[in-house]
Amino acid sequence: MVVIRQAMVDGDIRPGEVFSASALAQQLGVSNSPVRDACMELVHSGILEVVRNRGFRLVYLDQEALDNVYEIRIMLEGPAVERIADRDLTEHEPPLREFVERCLAAALEVDTQGFLQYDRLFHLTLLGLLDNPKLVDIVDGLRDQTRIAGMHRLVETGGLERSAREHGELLDALVAGEAERSRDIMVRHLAHGSSRRPDPVDSSRSTH
């Protein structure tokens, strides 16, 4: 599934384009079954849709739809990092710091696959500290819906490095126990993918 997602980010599979699992499997040099299973998982995530008797199609999200998804992420991840900032992160800081450094290295090389890998690990590992697997699953699904358009936006605007550096800024605030600052950094970080510019304080209050 990682290979399929990367093909979407790279533009090898374009929004609205119909493809068959067998053709994609042949292109990737693997058997049909795992590719079809991976495609069905992406259907459940809202990334692909089934085209009867033809295969699958990459779902196109217009700007309003993207903005809505990012708004939901802000509502979830903003308050989440506030809670995380109240915890002792001594044990968790080293692996998180490694994700930050690897994500930045990938950003500097414009390595979108590496960036996505460590960006995902950083965000989901943070959320995992709240011991709520459902929250992690929901955010992971939302990330899947925005990762293609969001990555293209970051690359086109030269925002990969900025986004990667914000991970370090966020981790510093979390380790220092600065809950409000952590929330504001997360809101700003996620807002890069949206055409809306939410107020950090208002976005946090909207979740109560």
N, C-alpha and C. Protein backbone atom coordinates (compact mmCIF):
# COMPACT_ATOMS: atom_id res chain seq x y z
N MET A 1 0.82 -1.20 0.00
CA MET A 1 0.00 0.00 0.00
C MET A 1 0.86 1.26 0.00
N VAL A 2 2.02 1.18 0.62
CA VAL A 2 2.93 2.33 0.65
C VAL A 2 3.33 2.73 -0.77
N VAL A 3 3.61 1.72 -1.60
CA VAL A 3 4.02 1.99 -2.98
C VAL A 3 2.89 2.66 -3.76
N ILE A 4 1.66 2.21 -3.53
CA ILE A 4 0.51 2.80 -4.22
C ILE A 4 0.33 4.25 -3.80
N ARG A 5 0.43 4.50 -2.51
CA ARG A 5 0.28 5.87 -2.03
C ARG A 5 1.36 6.78 -2.60
N GLN A 6 2.58 6.27 -2.68
CA GLN A 6 3.67 7.08 -3.22
C GLN A 6 3.43 7.37 -4.70
N ALA A 7 2.87 6.40 -5.42
CA ALA A 7 2.56 6.62 -6.84
C ALA A 7 1.55 7.75 -7.00
N MET A 8 0.64 7.86 -6.05
CA MET A 8 -0.34 8.96 -6.07
C MET A 8 0.34 10.29 -5.82
N VAL A 9 1.21 10.32 -4.82
CA VAL A 9 1.92 11.56 -4.50
C VAL A 9 2.81 11.99 -5.66
N ASP A 10 3.45 11.02 -6.31
CA ASP A 10 4.36 11.32 -7.42
C ASP A 10 3.62 11.70 -8.69
N GLY A 11 2.31 11.48 -8.72
CA GLY A 11 1.53 11.83 -9.91
C GLY A 11 1.42 10.69 -10.91
N ASP A 12 1.93 9.50 -10.55
CA ASP A 12 1.80 8.36 -11.45
C ASP A 12 0.35 7.89 -11.54
N ILE A 13 -0.41 8.12 -10.47
CA ILE A 13 -1.85 7.90 -10.47
C ILE A 13 -2.49 9.26 -10.20
N ARG A 14 -3.29 9.72 -11.13
CA ARG A 14 -3.83 11.08 -11.03
C ARG A 14 -5.30 11.07 -10.61
N PRO A 15 -5.75 12.14 -9.94
CA PRO A 15 -7.17 12.23 -9.57
C PRO A 15 -8.08 12.08 -10.78
N GLY A 16 -9.10 11.24 -10.65
CA GLY A 16 -10.04 11.01 -11.73
C GLY A 16 -9.63 9.91 -12.68
N GLU A 17 -8.38 9.48 -12.59
CA GLU A 17 -7.87 8.45 -13.49
C GLU A 17 -8.32 7.07 -13.03
N VAL A 18 -8.83 6.27 -13.96
CA VAL A 18 -9.28 4.91 -13.66
C VAL A 18 -8.16 3.93 -13.97
N PHE A 19 -7.92 3.00 -13.06
CA PHE A 19 -6.89 1.99 -13.28
C PHE A 19 -7.37 0.67 -12.71
N SER A 20 -6.83 -0.41 -13.22
CA SER A 20 -7.18 -1.74 -12.71
C SER A 20 -6.10 -2.23 -11.76
N ALA A 21 -6.51 -3.06 -10.81
CA ALA A 21 -5.54 -3.62 -9.87
C ALA A 21 -4.53 -4.50 -10.59
N SER A 22 -4.98 -5.22 -11.62
CA SER A 22 -4.07 -6.11 -12.34
C SER A 22 -3.01 -5.32 -13.11
N ALA A 23 -3.42 -4.22 -13.75
CA ALA A 23 -2.46 -3.41 -14.48
C ALA A 23 -1.45 -2.78 -13.54
N LEU A 24 -1.93 -2.31 -12.38
CA LEU A 24 -1.03 -1.71 -11.40
C LEU A 24 -0.08 -2.75 -10.83
N ALA A 25 -0.60 -3.96 -10.58
CA ALA A 25 0.24 -5.04 -10.06
C ALA A 25 1.34 -5.38 -11.05
N GLN A 26 0.99 -5.41 -12.33
CA GLN A 26 1.99 -5.70 -13.36
C GLN A 26 3.05 -4.60 -13.40
N GLN A 27 2.60 -3.36 -13.27
CA GLN A 27 3.53 -2.23 -13.28
C GLN A 27 4.49 -2.29 -12.10
N LEU A 28 3.97 -2.75 -10.95
CA LEU A 28 4.78 -2.82 -9.74
C LEU A 28 5.56 -4.13 -9.64
N GLY A 29 5.22 -5.10 -10.50
CA GLY A 29 5.92 -6.37 -10.48
C GLY A 29 5.54 -7.26 -9.32
N VAL A 30 4.27 -7.17 -8.91
CA VAL A 30 3.79 -8.01 -7.80
C VAL A 30 2.50 -8.71 -8.25
N SER A 31 2.00 -9.62 -7.39
CA SER A 31 0.78 -10.35 -7.73
C SER A 31 -0.45 -9.46 -7.54
N ASN A 32 -1.54 -9.86 -8.15
CA ASN A 32 -2.77 -9.06 -8.13
C ASN A 32 -3.39 -8.92 -6.74
N SER A 33 -3.38 -10.03 -5.99
CA SER A 33 -4.14 -10.08 -4.73
C SER A 33 -3.75 -8.98 -3.73
N PRO A 34 -2.46 -8.82 -3.40
CA PRO A 34 -2.12 -7.77 -2.43
C PRO A 34 -2.43 -6.37 -2.92
N VAL A 35 -2.31 -6.16 -4.23
CA VAL A 35 -2.62 -4.84 -4.78
C VAL A 35 -4.11 -4.56 -4.66
N ARG A 36 -4.92 -5.54 -4.98
CA ARG A 36 -6.37 -5.35 -4.86
C ARG A 36 -6.77 -5.12 -3.40
N ASP A 37 -6.17 -5.88 -2.49
CA ASP A 37 -6.47 -5.70 -1.06
C ASP A 37 -6.09 -4.29 -0.61
N ALA A 38 -4.92 -3.83 -1.07
CA ALA A 38 -4.47 -2.48 -0.70
C ALA A 38 -5.40 -1.43 -1.27
N CYS A 39 -5.85 -1.63 -2.50
CA CYS A 39 -6.78 -0.68 -3.12
C CYS A 39 -8.10 -0.62 -2.36
N MET A 40 -8.57 -1.77 -1.89
CA MET A 40 -9.82 -1.78 -1.13
C MET A 40 -9.66 -1.06 0.20
N GLU A 41 -8.49 -1.17 0.82
CA GLU A 41 -8.23 -0.42 2.05
C GLU A 41 -8.29 1.08 1.77
N LEU A 42 -7.75 1.48 0.63
CA LEU A 42 -7.76 2.89 0.26
C LEU A 42 -9.16 3.36 -0.10
N VAL A 43 -10.00 2.45 -0.58
CA VAL A 43 -11.41 2.78 -0.81
C VAL A 43 -12.08 3.09 0.53
N HIS A 44 -11.82 2.25 1.53
CA HIS A 44 -12.42 2.47 2.85
C HIS A 44 -11.91 3.76 3.49
N SER A 45 -10.70 4.18 3.12
CA SER A 45 -10.13 5.42 3.65
C SER A 45 -10.63 6.65 2.91
N GLY A 46 -11.36 6.44 1.81
CA GLY A 46 -11.88 7.57 1.06
C GLY A 46 -10.93 8.12 0.02
N ILE A 47 -9.82 7.42 -0.23
CA ILE A 47 -8.83 7.89 -1.20
C ILE A 47 -9.17 7.42 -2.60
N LEU A 48 -9.62 6.16 -2.70
CA LEU A 48 -10.03 5.61 -4.00
C LEU A 48 -11.53 5.33 -3.98
N GLU A 49 -12.10 5.21 -5.15
CA GLU A 49 -13.48 4.75 -5.27
C GLU A 49 -13.52 3.66 -6.33
N VAL A 50 -14.46 2.74 -6.17
CA VAL A 50 -14.60 1.62 -7.10
C VAL A 50 -15.37 2.10 -8.34
N VAL A 51 -14.84 1.77 -9.51
CA VAL A 51 -15.53 2.03 -10.77
C VAL A 51 -15.96 0.68 -11.32
N ARG A 52 -17.24 0.45 -11.35
CA ARG A 52 -17.77 -0.88 -11.69
C ARG A 52 -17.27 -1.36 -13.05
N ASN A 53 -16.77 -2.60 -13.04
CA ASN A 53 -16.28 -3.28 -14.25
C ASN A 53 -15.03 -2.64 -14.86
N ARG A 54 -14.44 -1.68 -14.16
CA ARG A 54 -13.25 -1.02 -14.71
C ARG A 54 -12.08 -1.01 -13.74
N GLY A 55 -12.35 -0.88 -12.45
CA GLY A 55 -11.26 -0.86 -11.49
C GLY A 55 -11.46 0.18 -10.41
N PHE A 56 -10.48 1.05 -10.26
CA PHE A 56 -10.50 2.05 -9.18
C PHE A 56 -10.19 3.43 -9.75
N ARG A 57 -10.62 4.44 -9.01
CA ARG A 57 -10.34 5.81 -9.42
C ARG A 57 -9.90 6.61 -8.20
N LEU A 58 -8.87 7.41 -8.38
CA LEU A 58 -8.40 8.29 -7.32
C LEU A 58 -9.39 9.43 -7.13
N VAL A 59 -9.90 9.56 -5.91
CA VAL A 59 -10.92 10.57 -5.62
C VAL A 59 -10.31 11.96 -5.68
N TYR A 60 -11.00 12.85 -6.35
CA TYR A 60 -10.55 14.25 -6.43
C TYR A 60 -11.23 15.03 -5.31
N LEU A 61 -10.43 15.71 -4.48
CA LEU A 61 -10.97 16.57 -3.44
C LEU A 61 -10.78 18.02 -3.86
N ASP A 62 -11.88 18.78 -3.95
CA ASP A 62 -11.73 20.19 -4.27
C ASP A 62 -11.24 20.93 -3.03
N GLN A 63 -10.96 22.22 -3.17
CA GLN A 63 -10.36 22.97 -2.07
C GLN A 63 -11.27 23.01 -0.85
N GLU A 64 -12.56 23.13 -1.07
CA GLU A 64 -13.48 23.17 0.07
C GLU A 64 -13.44 21.87 0.85
N ALA A 65 -13.40 20.75 0.13
CA ALA A 65 -13.33 19.45 0.80
C ALA A 65 -12.03 19.30 1.57
N LEU A 66 -10.93 19.75 0.96
CA LEU A 66 -9.64 19.70 1.65
C LEU A 66 -9.66 20.57 2.90
N ASP A 67 -10.22 21.77 2.77
CA ASP A 67 -10.30 22.68 3.92
C ASP A 67 -11.09 22.05 5.06
N ASN A 68 -12.17 21.35 4.71
CA ASN A 68 -12.99 20.71 5.73
C ASN A 68 -12.21 19.63 6.47
N VAL A 69 -11.43 18.85 5.73
CA VAL A 69 -10.65 17.79 6.37
C VAL A 69 -9.58 18.39 7.28
N TYR A 70 -8.89 19.42 6.81
CA TYR A 70 -7.88 20.06 7.65
C TYR A 70 -8.51 20.68 8.90
N GLU A 71 -9.71 21.23 8.75
CA GLU A 71 -10.39 21.81 9.90
C GLU A 71 -10.68 20.76 10.96
N ILE A 72 -11.09 19.57 10.51
CA ILE A 72 -11.33 18.48 11.45
C ILE A 72 -10.04 18.08 12.15
N ARG A 73 -8.95 18.00 11.39
CA ARG A 73 -7.66 17.65 11.99
C ARG A 73 -7.25 18.68 13.03
N ILE A 74 -7.47 19.95 12.73
CA ILE A 74 -7.13 21.00 13.69
C ILE A 74 -7.94 20.84 14.97
N MET A 75 -9.23 20.54 14.82
CA MET A 75 -10.10 20.35 15.98
C MET A 75 -9.65 19.18 16.85
N LEU A 76 -9.08 18.16 16.21
CA LEU A 76 -8.64 16.97 16.94
C LEU A 76 -7.22 17.12 17.49
N GLU A 77 -6.29 17.53 16.64
CA GLU A 77 -4.88 17.51 17.01
C GLU A 77 -4.47 18.72 17.84
N GLY A 78 -5.18 19.84 17.71
CA GLY A 78 -4.86 21.00 18.54
C GLY A 78 -5.04 20.71 20.02
N PRO A 79 -6.25 20.33 20.44
CA PRO A 79 -6.47 19.98 21.84
C PRO A 79 -5.65 18.77 22.29
N ALA A 80 -5.38 17.85 21.37
CA ALA A 80 -4.61 16.66 21.73
C ALA A 80 -3.21 17.03 22.22
N VAL A 81 -2.54 17.92 21.49
CA VAL A 81 -1.18 18.28 21.92
C VAL A 81 -1.19 19.10 23.20
N GLU A 82 -2.28 19.82 23.47
CA GLU A 82 -2.40 20.50 24.76
C GLU A 82 -2.34 19.49 25.90
N ARG A 83 -3.03 18.39 25.74
CA ARG A 83 -3.03 17.35 26.77
C ARG A 83 -1.67 16.67 26.86
N ILE A 84 -1.05 16.46 25.72
CA ILE A 84 0.26 15.80 25.70
C ILE A 84 1.30 16.66 26.41
N ALA A 85 1.18 17.98 26.30
CA ALA A 85 2.15 18.89 26.92
C ALA A 85 2.14 18.78 28.44
N ASP A 86 1.06 18.27 29.01
CA ASP A 86 0.97 18.12 30.46
C ASP A 86 1.63 16.84 30.95
N ARG A 87 2.17 16.05 30.04
CA ARG A 87 2.76 14.76 30.41
C ARG A 87 4.28 14.84 30.44
N ASP A 88 4.85 13.89 31.16
CA ASP A 88 6.31 13.77 31.19
C ASP A 88 6.76 13.05 29.92
N LEU A 89 7.48 13.75 29.06
CA LEU A 89 7.89 13.18 27.77
C LEU A 89 9.34 12.71 27.75
N THR A 90 9.94 12.61 28.92
CA THR A 90 11.35 12.22 28.99
C THR A 90 11.63 10.93 28.23
N GLU A 91 10.79 9.94 28.43
CA GLU A 91 10.99 8.63 27.80
C GLU A 91 10.69 8.67 26.30
N HIS A 92 9.78 9.53 25.91
CA HIS A 92 9.30 9.54 24.52
C HIS A 92 10.04 10.53 23.62
N GLU A 93 10.77 11.45 24.22
CA GLU A 93 11.42 12.48 23.40
C GLU A 93 12.44 11.92 22.40
N PRO A 94 13.33 10.98 22.79
CA PRO A 94 14.36 10.52 21.83
C PRO A 94 13.80 9.98 20.52
N PRO A 95 12.82 9.05 20.52
CA PRO A 95 12.31 8.59 19.21
C PRO A 95 11.60 9.70 18.45
N LEU A 96 10.88 10.56 19.15
CA LEU A 96 10.20 11.67 18.47
C LEU A 96 11.22 12.62 17.85
N ARG A 97 12.31 12.86 18.57
CA ARG A 97 13.36 13.74 18.05
C ARG A 97 14.00 13.13 16.80
N GLU A 98 14.13 11.81 16.79
CA GLU A 98 14.69 11.14 15.61
C GLU A 98 13.76 11.31 14.41
N PHE A 99 12.45 11.18 14.63
CA PHE A 99 11.49 11.39 13.54
C PHE A 99 11.60 12.81 13.00
N VAL A 100 11.76 13.77 13.90
CA VAL A 100 11.89 15.18 13.50
C VAL A 100 13.11 15.36 12.61
N GLU A 101 14.23 14.81 13.03
CA GLU A 101 15.48 14.98 12.29
C GLU A 101 15.43 14.28 10.93
N ARG A 102 14.84 13.09 10.90
CA ARG A 102 14.76 12.35 9.64
C ARG A 102 13.78 13.02 8.67
N CYS A 103 12.71 13.57 9.20
CA CYS A 103 11.74 14.27 8.36
C CYS A 103 12.39 15.52 7.76
N LEU A 104 13.16 16.25 8.56
CA LEU A 104 13.84 17.44 8.06
C LEU A 104 14.86 17.07 6.99
N ALA A 105 15.61 16.00 7.23
CA ALA A 105 16.60 15.56 6.23
C ALA A 105 15.92 15.22 4.91
N ALA A 106 14.77 14.55 4.99
CA ALA A 106 14.02 14.22 3.77
C ALA A 106 13.51 15.48 3.08
N ALA A 107 13.05 16.44 3.87
CA ALA A 107 12.55 17.69 3.30
C ALA A 107 13.64 18.44 2.55
N LEU A 108 14.83 18.47 3.12
CA LEU A 108 15.95 19.18 2.49
C LEU A 108 16.35 18.52 1.17
N GLU A 109 16.12 17.21 1.07
CA GLU A 109 16.42 16.47 -0.16
C GLU A 109 15.22 16.41 -1.11
N VAL A 110 14.11 17.03 -0.70
CA VAL A 110 12.83 16.95 -1.43
C VAL A 110 12.49 15.48 -1.70
N ASP A 111 12.72 14.67 -0.68
CA ASP A 111 12.39 13.24 -0.72
C ASP A 111 10.97 13.09 -0.15
N THR A 112 9.98 13.12 -1.03
CA THR A 112 8.59 13.12 -0.55
C THR A 112 8.22 11.83 0.17
N GLN A 113 8.77 10.71 -0.28
CA GLN A 113 8.47 9.44 0.37
C GLN A 113 9.00 9.43 1.80
N GLY A 114 10.24 9.85 1.98
CA GLY A 114 10.82 9.91 3.32
C GLY A 114 10.10 10.92 4.19
N PHE A 115 9.76 12.07 3.60
CA PHE A 115 9.04 13.10 4.36
C PHE A 115 7.71 12.56 4.87
N LEU A 116 6.94 11.94 3.99
CA LEU A 116 5.64 11.40 4.38
C LEU A 116 5.78 10.33 5.46
N GLN A 117 6.80 9.49 5.32
CA GLN A 117 7.00 8.41 6.29
C GLN A 117 7.23 8.96 7.70
N TYR A 118 8.15 9.92 7.82
CA TYR A 118 8.50 10.41 9.15
C TYR A 118 7.52 11.46 9.66
N ASP A 119 6.87 12.18 8.76
CA ASP A 119 5.80 13.08 9.17
C ASP A 119 4.67 12.28 9.80
N ARG A 120 4.32 11.18 9.17
CA ARG A 120 3.25 10.32 9.70
C ARG A 120 3.66 9.71 11.03
N LEU A 121 4.87 9.21 11.12
CA LEU A 121 5.34 8.62 12.37
C LEU A 121 5.32 9.63 13.51
N PHE A 122 5.74 10.86 13.21
CA PHE A 122 5.77 11.89 14.25
C PHE A 122 4.36 12.19 14.76
N HIS A 123 3.46 12.48 13.84
CA HIS A 123 2.10 12.86 14.25
C HIS A 123 1.38 11.72 14.97
N LEU A 124 1.44 10.52 14.42
CA LEU A 124 0.68 9.42 15.00
C LEU A 124 1.31 8.91 16.29
N THR A 125 2.64 8.98 16.39
CA THR A 125 3.29 8.59 17.65
C THR A 125 2.90 9.56 18.76
N LEU A 126 2.86 10.84 18.44
CA LEU A 126 2.41 11.84 19.42
C LEU A 126 1.00 11.51 19.91
N LEU A 127 0.09 11.32 18.97
CA LEU A 127 -1.29 11.04 19.35
C LEU A 127 -1.41 9.73 20.12
N GLY A 128 -0.53 8.78 19.81
CA GLY A 128 -0.55 7.50 20.51
C GLY A 128 -0.26 7.63 21.99
N LEU A 129 0.37 8.73 22.40
CA LEU A 129 0.67 8.94 23.81
C LEU A 129 -0.59 9.15 24.64
N LEU A 130 -1.71 9.43 23.99
CA LEU A 130 -2.97 9.63 24.71
C LEU A 130 -3.72 8.31 24.93
N ASP A 131 -3.14 7.21 24.45
CA ASP A 131 -3.72 5.87 24.65
C ASP A 131 -5.16 5.78 24.14
N ASN A 132 -5.39 6.38 22.97
CA ASN A 132 -6.71 6.32 22.34
C ASN A 132 -6.53 5.87 20.90
N PRO A 133 -6.52 4.55 20.66
CA PRO A 133 -6.29 4.04 19.30
C PRO A 133 -7.29 4.56 18.28
N LYS A 134 -8.51 4.82 18.71
CA LYS A 134 -9.53 5.32 17.78
C LYS A 134 -9.14 6.70 17.25
N LEU A 135 -8.61 7.54 18.11
CA LEU A 135 -8.16 8.87 17.69
C LEU A 135 -7.06 8.74 16.64
N VAL A 136 -6.12 7.84 16.89
CA VAL A 136 -5.02 7.63 15.95
C VAL A 136 -5.55 7.15 14.60
N ASP A 137 -6.49 6.21 14.63
CA ASP A 137 -7.07 5.68 13.38
C ASP A 137 -7.81 6.77 12.61
N ILE A 138 -8.57 7.60 13.31
CA ILE A 138 -9.33 8.66 12.65
C ILE A 138 -8.40 9.65 11.98
N VAL A 139 -7.38 10.09 12.70
CA VAL A 139 -6.44 11.07 12.14
C VAL A 139 -5.65 10.46 10.99
N ASP A 140 -5.28 9.20 11.12
CA ASP A 140 -4.55 8.54 10.03
C ASP A 140 -5.40 8.50 8.76
N GLY A 141 -6.70 8.22 8.92
CA GLY A 141 -7.59 8.22 7.77
C GLY A 141 -7.74 9.61 7.16
N LEU A 142 -7.81 10.63 8.00
CA LEU A 142 -7.90 12.00 7.50
C LEU A 142 -6.62 12.40 6.77
N ARG A 143 -5.49 11.96 7.29
CA ARG A 143 -4.21 12.24 6.65
C ARG A 143 -4.18 11.63 5.25
N ASP A 144 -4.70 10.43 5.12
CA ASP A 144 -4.73 9.77 3.81
C ASP A 144 -5.50 10.60 2.80
N GLN A 145 -6.59 11.22 3.24
CA GLN A 145 -7.42 11.98 2.32
C GLN A 145 -6.73 13.25 1.82
N THR A 146 -5.84 13.80 2.63
CA THR A 146 -5.22 15.09 2.27
C THR A 146 -3.78 14.97 1.80
N ARG A 147 -3.17 13.82 1.96
CA ARG A 147 -1.73 13.73 1.75
C ARG A 147 -1.31 14.05 0.32
N ILE A 148 -2.14 13.69 -0.66
CA ILE A 148 -1.76 13.91 -2.06
C ILE A 148 -1.76 15.39 -2.39
N ALA A 149 -2.93 16.04 -2.18
CA ALA A 149 -3.02 17.47 -2.47
C ALA A 149 -2.13 18.27 -1.53
N GLY A 150 -2.07 17.85 -0.26
CA GLY A 150 -1.25 18.57 0.71
C GLY A 150 0.23 18.51 0.36
N MET A 151 0.69 17.35 -0.08
CA MET A 151 2.10 17.22 -0.45
C MET A 151 2.41 18.06 -1.68
N HIS A 152 1.53 18.04 -2.67
CA HIS A 152 1.75 18.85 -3.86
C HIS A 152 1.85 20.33 -3.50
N ARG A 153 0.98 20.78 -2.59
CA ARG A 153 1.00 22.18 -2.17
C ARG A 153 2.33 22.52 -1.49
N LEU A 154 2.80 21.65 -0.60
CA LEU A 154 4.05 21.90 0.11
C LEU A 154 5.23 21.96 -0.85
N VAL A 155 5.26 21.03 -1.81
CA VAL A 155 6.37 21.01 -2.78
C VAL A 155 6.33 22.26 -3.65
N GLU A 156 5.14 22.61 -4.14
CA GLU A 156 5.02 23.75 -5.05
C GLU A 156 5.36 25.07 -4.37
N THR A 157 5.04 25.19 -3.09
CA THR A 157 5.29 26.44 -2.37
C THR A 157 6.63 26.46 -1.64
N GLY A 158 7.39 25.37 -1.77
CA GLY A 158 8.66 25.30 -1.06
C GLY A 158 8.49 25.16 0.44
N GLY A 159 7.36 24.58 0.85
CA GLY A 159 7.04 24.51 2.26
C GLY A 159 7.46 23.25 2.97
N LEU A 160 8.13 22.33 2.29
CA LEU A 160 8.53 21.08 2.94
C LEU A 160 9.44 21.35 4.14
N GLU A 161 10.47 22.16 3.93
CA GLU A 161 11.41 22.43 5.02
C GLU A 161 10.72 23.14 6.18
N ARG A 162 9.89 24.13 5.86
CA ARG A 162 9.16 24.86 6.90
C ARG A 162 8.31 23.91 7.73
N SER A 163 7.59 23.02 7.05
CA SER A 163 6.73 22.08 7.74
C SER A 163 7.54 21.14 8.63
N ALA A 164 8.67 20.67 8.11
CA ALA A 164 9.52 19.76 8.89
C ALA A 164 10.09 20.45 10.12
N ARG A 165 10.50 21.70 9.97
CA ARG A 165 11.07 22.44 11.11
C ARG A 165 10.02 22.71 12.18
N GLU A 166 8.78 22.82 11.77
CA GLU A 166 7.71 23.03 12.75
C GLU A 166 7.55 21.83 13.67
N HIS A 167 7.90 20.65 13.20
CA HIS A 167 7.87 19.48 14.07
C HIS A 167 8.81 19.68 15.26
N GLY A 168 10.01 20.18 14.97
CA GLY A 168 10.97 20.43 16.03
C GLY A 168 10.49 21.51 16.98
N GLU A 169 9.89 22.55 16.43
CA GLU A 169 9.34 23.64 17.24
C GLU A 169 8.24 23.11 18.16
N LEU A 170 7.39 22.25 17.60
CA LEU A 170 6.31 21.67 18.39
C LEU A 170 6.85 20.77 19.49
N LEU A 171 7.81 19.94 19.16
CA LEU A 171 8.37 19.03 20.16
C LEU A 171 9.03 19.81 21.29
N ASP A 172 9.73 20.89 20.96
CA ASP A 172 10.35 21.72 22.00
C ASP A 172 9.29 22.27 22.95
N ALA A 173 8.18 22.74 22.40
CA ALA A 173 7.11 23.29 23.23
C ALA A 173 6.47 22.21 24.10
N LEU A 174 6.30 21.03 23.54
CA LEU A 174 5.71 19.92 24.30
C LEU A 174 6.61 19.51 25.46
N VAL A 175 7.89 19.37 25.18
CA VAL A 175 8.84 18.96 26.22
C VAL A 175 8.91 20.01 27.33
N ALA A 176 8.76 21.28 26.95
CA ALA A 176 8.78 22.37 27.93
C ALA A 176 7.46 22.49 28.69
N GLY A 177 6.47 21.70 28.30
CA GLY A 177 5.18 21.74 28.99
C GLY A 177 4.34 22.94 28.64
N GLU A 178 4.59 23.55 27.48
CA GLU A 178 3.87 24.75 27.07
C GLU A 178 2.64 24.35 26.25
N ALA A 179 1.54 24.12 26.93
CA ALA A 179 0.35 23.57 26.29
C ALA A 179 -0.25 24.50 25.25
N GLU A 180 -0.44 25.77 25.61
CA GLU A 180 -1.07 26.70 24.67
C GLU A 180 -0.20 26.92 23.45
N ARG A 181 1.09 27.06 23.67
CA ARG A 181 2.01 27.25 22.54
C ARG A 181 2.02 26.01 21.66
N SER A 182 1.99 24.84 22.25
CA SER A 182 1.96 23.59 21.48
C SER A 182 0.73 23.54 20.58
N ARG A 183 -0.41 23.91 21.14
CA ARG A 183 -1.64 23.92 20.35
C ARG A 183 -1.54 24.90 19.19
N ASP A 184 -1.03 26.10 19.47
CA ASP A 184 -0.95 27.12 18.42
C ASP A 184 -0.01 26.70 17.29
N ILE A 185 1.09 26.04 17.65
CA ILE A 185 2.03 25.56 16.62
C ILE A 185 1.36 24.49 15.77
N MET A 186 0.64 23.59 16.41
CA MET A 186 -0.05 22.53 15.66
C MET A 186 -1.09 23.12 14.72
N VAL A 187 -1.85 24.09 15.19
CA VAL A 187 -2.87 24.71 14.34
C VAL A 187 -2.22 25.38 13.14
N ARG A 188 -1.16 26.13 13.38
CA ARG A 188 -0.45 26.80 12.28
C ARG A 188 0.12 25.77 11.31
N HIS A 189 0.67 24.70 11.86
CA HIS A 189 1.28 23.64 11.06
C HIS A 189 0.26 23.00 10.12
N LEU A 190 -0.90 22.67 10.63
CA LEU A 190 -1.92 22.03 9.82
C LEU A 190 -2.57 23.01 8.85
N ALA A 191 -2.63 24.27 9.21
CA ALA A 191 -3.29 25.27 8.37
C ALA A 191 -2.56 25.52 7.06
N HIS A 192 -1.30 25.09 6.95
CA HIS A 192 -0.56 25.27 5.70
C HIS A 192 -1.26 24.57 4.53
N GLY A 193 -1.96 23.49 4.83
CA GLY A 193 -2.61 22.74 3.76
C GLY A 193 -3.98 23.26 3.39
N SER A 194 -4.45 24.26 4.13
CA SER A 194 -5.80 24.78 3.92
C SER A 194 -5.77 26.20 3.38
N SER A 195 -6.84 26.58 2.69
CA SER A 195 -6.95 27.97 2.23
C SER A 195 -7.54 28.85 3.31
N ARG A 196 -8.02 28.22 4.39
CA ARG A 196 -8.56 28.97 5.53
C ARG A 196 -7.44 29.23 6.52
N ARG A 197 -7.58 30.28 7.30
CA ARG A 197 -6.59 30.60 8.33
C ARG A 197 -7.31 30.72 9.66
N PRO A 198 -7.49 29.60 10.35
CA PRO A 198 -8.24 29.62 11.61
C PRO A 198 -7.47 30.31 12.72
N ASP A 199 -8.21 30.94 13.63
CA ASP A 199 -7.59 31.51 14.82
C ASP A 199 -7.28 30.37 15.79
N PRO A 200 -6.04 30.27 16.30
CA PRO A 200 -5.67 29.16 17.17
C PRO A 200 -6.56 29.01 18.38
N VAL A 201 -6.89 30.14 19.03
CA VAL A 201 -7.69 30.06 20.24
C VAL A 201 -9.10 29.61 19.92
N ASP A 202 -9.70 30.20 18.86
CA ASP A 202 -11.05 29.83 18.48
C ASP A 202 -11.14 28.36 18.10
N SER A 203 -10.11 27.88 17.38
CA SER A 203 -10.14 26.49 16.93
C SER A 203 -10.13 25.53 18.10
N SER A 204 -9.45 25.90 19.19
CA SER A 204 -9.41 25.01 20.34
C SER A 204 -10.73 25.06 21.09
N ARG A 205 -11.33 26.25 21.17
CA ARG A 205 -12.58 26.36 21.90
C ARG A 205 -13.72 25.62 21.21
N SER A 206 -13.61 25.51 19.88
CA SER A 206 -14.70 24.88 19.13
C SER A 206 -14.84 23.40 19.44
N THR A 207 -13.84 22.83 20.11
CA THR A 207 -13.88 21.40 20.42
C THR A 207 -14.51 21.12 21.77
N HIS A 208 -14.75 22.15 22.59
CA HIS A 208 -15.25 21.91 23.94
C HIS A 208 -16.76 21.75 23.96
